[in-house]
N, C-alpha and C. Protein backbone atom coordinates (compact mmCIF):
# COMPACT_ATOMS: atom_id res chain seq x y z
N MET A 1 46.30 -66.82 -25.49
CA MET A 1 46.13 -66.62 -24.09
C MET A 1 45.29 -65.36 -23.88
N GLU A 2 44.31 -65.46 -23.02
CA GLU A 2 43.49 -64.29 -22.69
C GLU A 2 43.74 -63.92 -21.23
N ILE A 3 44.20 -62.71 -21.04
CA ILE A 3 44.49 -62.21 -19.70
C ILE A 3 43.62 -60.98 -19.46
N PRO A 4 42.79 -60.99 -18.42
CA PRO A 4 41.96 -59.82 -18.12
C PRO A 4 42.84 -58.60 -17.83
N ILE A 5 42.43 -57.47 -18.36
CA ILE A 5 43.19 -56.24 -18.19
C ILE A 5 42.24 -55.16 -17.66
N LEU A 6 42.68 -54.49 -16.61
CA LEU A 6 41.92 -53.39 -16.04
C LEU A 6 42.61 -52.09 -16.43
N ILE A 7 41.88 -51.22 -17.10
CA ILE A 7 42.40 -49.92 -17.51
C ILE A 7 41.70 -48.87 -16.66
N LEU A 8 42.48 -48.14 -15.89
CA LEU A 8 41.94 -47.09 -15.03
C LEU A 8 42.41 -45.74 -15.53
N THR A 9 41.50 -44.78 -15.55
CA THR A 9 41.87 -43.43 -15.96
C THR A 9 41.03 -42.43 -15.18
N GLY A 10 41.58 -41.24 -15.03
CA GLY A 10 40.82 -40.15 -14.44
C GLY A 10 40.29 -39.25 -15.54
N ASP A 11 39.14 -38.69 -15.33
CA ASP A 11 38.54 -37.85 -16.37
C ASP A 11 39.37 -36.61 -16.68
N LYS A 12 40.29 -36.24 -15.79
CA LYS A 12 41.15 -35.07 -16.01
C LYS A 12 42.63 -35.45 -16.10
N ASP A 13 42.91 -36.71 -16.44
CA ASP A 13 44.30 -37.17 -16.57
C ASP A 13 44.96 -36.48 -17.76
N VAL A 14 46.09 -35.80 -17.50
CA VAL A 14 46.81 -35.11 -18.58
C VAL A 14 48.02 -35.90 -19.07
N PHE A 15 48.38 -36.98 -18.37
CA PHE A 15 49.52 -37.80 -18.78
C PHE A 15 49.09 -38.89 -19.76
N ILE A 16 48.01 -39.58 -19.43
CA ILE A 16 47.40 -40.54 -20.35
C ILE A 16 45.95 -40.09 -20.49
N LEU A 17 45.66 -39.44 -21.59
CA LEU A 17 44.33 -38.87 -21.78
C LEU A 17 43.26 -39.95 -21.75
N PRO A 18 42.08 -39.64 -21.21
CA PRO A 18 41.00 -40.62 -21.20
C PRO A 18 40.69 -41.16 -22.61
N SER A 19 40.85 -40.34 -23.62
CA SER A 19 40.62 -40.81 -25.00
C SER A 19 41.62 -41.89 -25.39
N GLU A 20 42.86 -41.79 -24.90
CA GLU A 20 43.87 -42.82 -25.17
C GLU A 20 43.54 -44.11 -24.43
N SER A 21 43.05 -43.97 -23.21
CA SER A 21 42.62 -45.16 -22.46
C SER A 21 41.47 -45.85 -23.17
N GLU A 22 40.56 -45.06 -23.72
CA GLU A 22 39.44 -45.63 -24.49
C GLU A 22 39.94 -46.37 -25.71
N LYS A 23 40.93 -45.82 -26.40
CA LYS A 23 41.51 -46.50 -27.57
C LYS A 23 42.13 -47.84 -27.16
N MET A 24 42.86 -47.85 -26.04
CA MET A 24 43.45 -49.11 -25.55
C MET A 24 42.35 -50.13 -25.27
N HIS A 25 41.30 -49.65 -24.61
CA HIS A 25 40.18 -50.53 -24.27
C HIS A 25 39.54 -51.13 -25.53
N GLN A 26 39.39 -50.34 -26.56
CA GLN A 26 38.80 -50.83 -27.81
C GLN A 26 39.68 -51.87 -28.49
N LYS A 27 40.99 -51.77 -28.32
CA LYS A 27 41.92 -52.70 -28.96
C LYS A 27 42.15 -53.98 -28.16
N ILE A 28 41.74 -53.99 -26.89
CA ILE A 28 41.93 -55.16 -26.03
C ILE A 28 40.55 -55.68 -25.63
N PRO A 29 40.03 -56.66 -26.36
CA PRO A 29 38.65 -57.12 -26.15
C PRO A 29 38.31 -57.56 -24.72
N ILE A 30 39.27 -58.13 -24.02
CA ILE A 30 38.98 -58.65 -22.68
C ILE A 30 39.19 -57.59 -21.58
N SER A 31 39.47 -56.37 -21.98
CA SER A 31 39.75 -55.32 -20.98
C SER A 31 38.48 -54.74 -20.39
N LYS A 32 38.66 -54.16 -19.21
CA LYS A 32 37.59 -53.41 -18.54
C LYS A 32 38.13 -52.00 -18.34
N LEU A 33 37.35 -51.00 -18.73
CA LEU A 33 37.75 -49.60 -18.59
C LEU A 33 36.93 -48.95 -17.48
N VAL A 34 37.62 -48.28 -16.57
CA VAL A 34 36.96 -47.53 -15.51
C VAL A 34 37.48 -46.10 -15.57
N VAL A 35 36.55 -45.15 -15.71
CA VAL A 35 36.90 -43.73 -15.74
C VAL A 35 36.44 -43.12 -14.42
N PHE A 36 37.38 -42.59 -13.66
CA PHE A 36 37.07 -41.97 -12.37
C PHE A 36 36.76 -40.49 -12.59
N SER A 37 35.72 -40.00 -11.90
CA SER A 37 35.32 -38.60 -12.02
C SER A 37 34.60 -38.19 -10.73
N PRO A 38 34.34 -36.94 -10.50
CA PRO A 38 34.75 -35.79 -11.30
C PRO A 38 36.13 -35.28 -10.89
N LYS A 39 36.77 -34.66 -11.81
CA LYS A 39 38.06 -33.98 -11.61
C LYS A 39 39.14 -34.88 -11.00
N ILE A 40 39.28 -36.08 -11.54
CA ILE A 40 40.31 -37.01 -11.09
C ILE A 40 41.39 -37.05 -12.16
N GLY A 41 42.64 -36.88 -11.72
CA GLY A 41 43.77 -36.87 -12.65
C GLY A 41 44.46 -38.21 -12.75
N HIS A 42 45.78 -38.17 -12.87
CA HIS A 42 46.59 -39.36 -13.08
C HIS A 42 46.83 -40.17 -11.80
N MET A 43 46.75 -39.53 -10.65
CA MET A 43 47.04 -40.18 -9.37
C MET A 43 45.76 -40.71 -8.72
N ILE A 44 45.11 -41.62 -9.41
CA ILE A 44 43.80 -42.13 -8.98
C ILE A 44 43.86 -42.71 -7.57
N ASN A 45 44.92 -43.46 -7.28
CA ASN A 45 45.00 -44.11 -5.97
C ASN A 45 45.09 -43.11 -4.82
N TYR A 46 45.46 -41.87 -5.08
CA TYR A 46 45.46 -40.82 -4.05
C TYR A 46 44.20 -39.96 -4.13
N GLU A 47 43.79 -39.63 -5.33
CA GLU A 47 42.68 -38.70 -5.53
C GLU A 47 41.31 -39.33 -5.29
N ALA A 48 41.21 -40.63 -5.51
CA ALA A 48 39.93 -41.34 -5.34
C ALA A 48 40.21 -42.69 -4.69
N LYS A 49 40.91 -42.63 -3.55
CA LYS A 49 41.43 -43.84 -2.90
C LYS A 49 40.37 -44.92 -2.68
N ASN A 50 39.24 -44.57 -2.09
CA ASN A 50 38.22 -45.58 -1.79
C ASN A 50 37.62 -46.19 -3.04
N ASP A 51 37.34 -45.38 -4.04
CA ASP A 51 36.80 -45.90 -5.30
C ASP A 51 37.84 -46.76 -6.01
N TYR A 52 39.09 -46.35 -5.94
CA TYR A 52 40.19 -47.12 -6.54
C TYR A 52 40.27 -48.51 -5.91
N ILE A 53 40.26 -48.56 -4.58
CA ILE A 53 40.33 -49.84 -3.88
C ILE A 53 39.14 -50.72 -4.24
N LYS A 54 37.95 -50.13 -4.29
CA LYS A 54 36.75 -50.89 -4.64
C LYS A 54 36.87 -51.51 -6.03
N GLU A 55 37.32 -50.72 -7.01
CA GLU A 55 37.46 -51.24 -8.38
C GLU A 55 38.51 -52.34 -8.46
N MET A 56 39.63 -52.15 -7.75
CA MET A 56 40.68 -53.17 -7.74
C MET A 56 40.18 -54.46 -7.11
N GLU A 57 39.50 -54.37 -5.98
CA GLU A 57 38.97 -55.56 -5.32
C GLU A 57 37.95 -56.28 -6.19
N THR A 58 37.08 -55.52 -6.83
CA THR A 58 36.08 -56.12 -7.71
C THR A 58 36.75 -56.83 -8.87
N PHE A 59 37.69 -56.17 -9.52
CA PHE A 59 38.39 -56.76 -10.66
C PHE A 59 39.13 -58.03 -10.25
N LEU A 60 39.85 -57.97 -9.15
CA LEU A 60 40.63 -59.12 -8.71
C LEU A 60 39.75 -60.29 -8.29
N SER A 61 38.58 -60.01 -7.73
CA SER A 61 37.68 -61.09 -7.33
C SER A 61 37.01 -61.75 -8.54
N GLU A 62 36.93 -61.03 -9.65
CA GLU A 62 36.32 -61.56 -10.87
C GLU A 62 37.31 -62.33 -11.74
N THR A 63 38.60 -62.22 -11.46
CA THR A 63 39.60 -62.88 -12.31
C THR A 63 40.16 -64.12 -11.65
C-alpha cells in the first residue's frame, strides 16, 4: 500500500530537527518534504499560518 505522506518542518525546529525530517523523507519514497523558513520553529501552523494552509491544501488536492 502506498500512502502519500506530507512532512512539514520549520528551519528552526528544535523538537524535530530539520535534519531528522530529511532522514524521514529519504526513508519514505512517496513522501513530500516542506521546510518552512525563515526562522520558523515547531509551531508551523501558528508561525507561518498562510503558508501552512497553502501547503496543506495543495497536498490534499493532489492526493
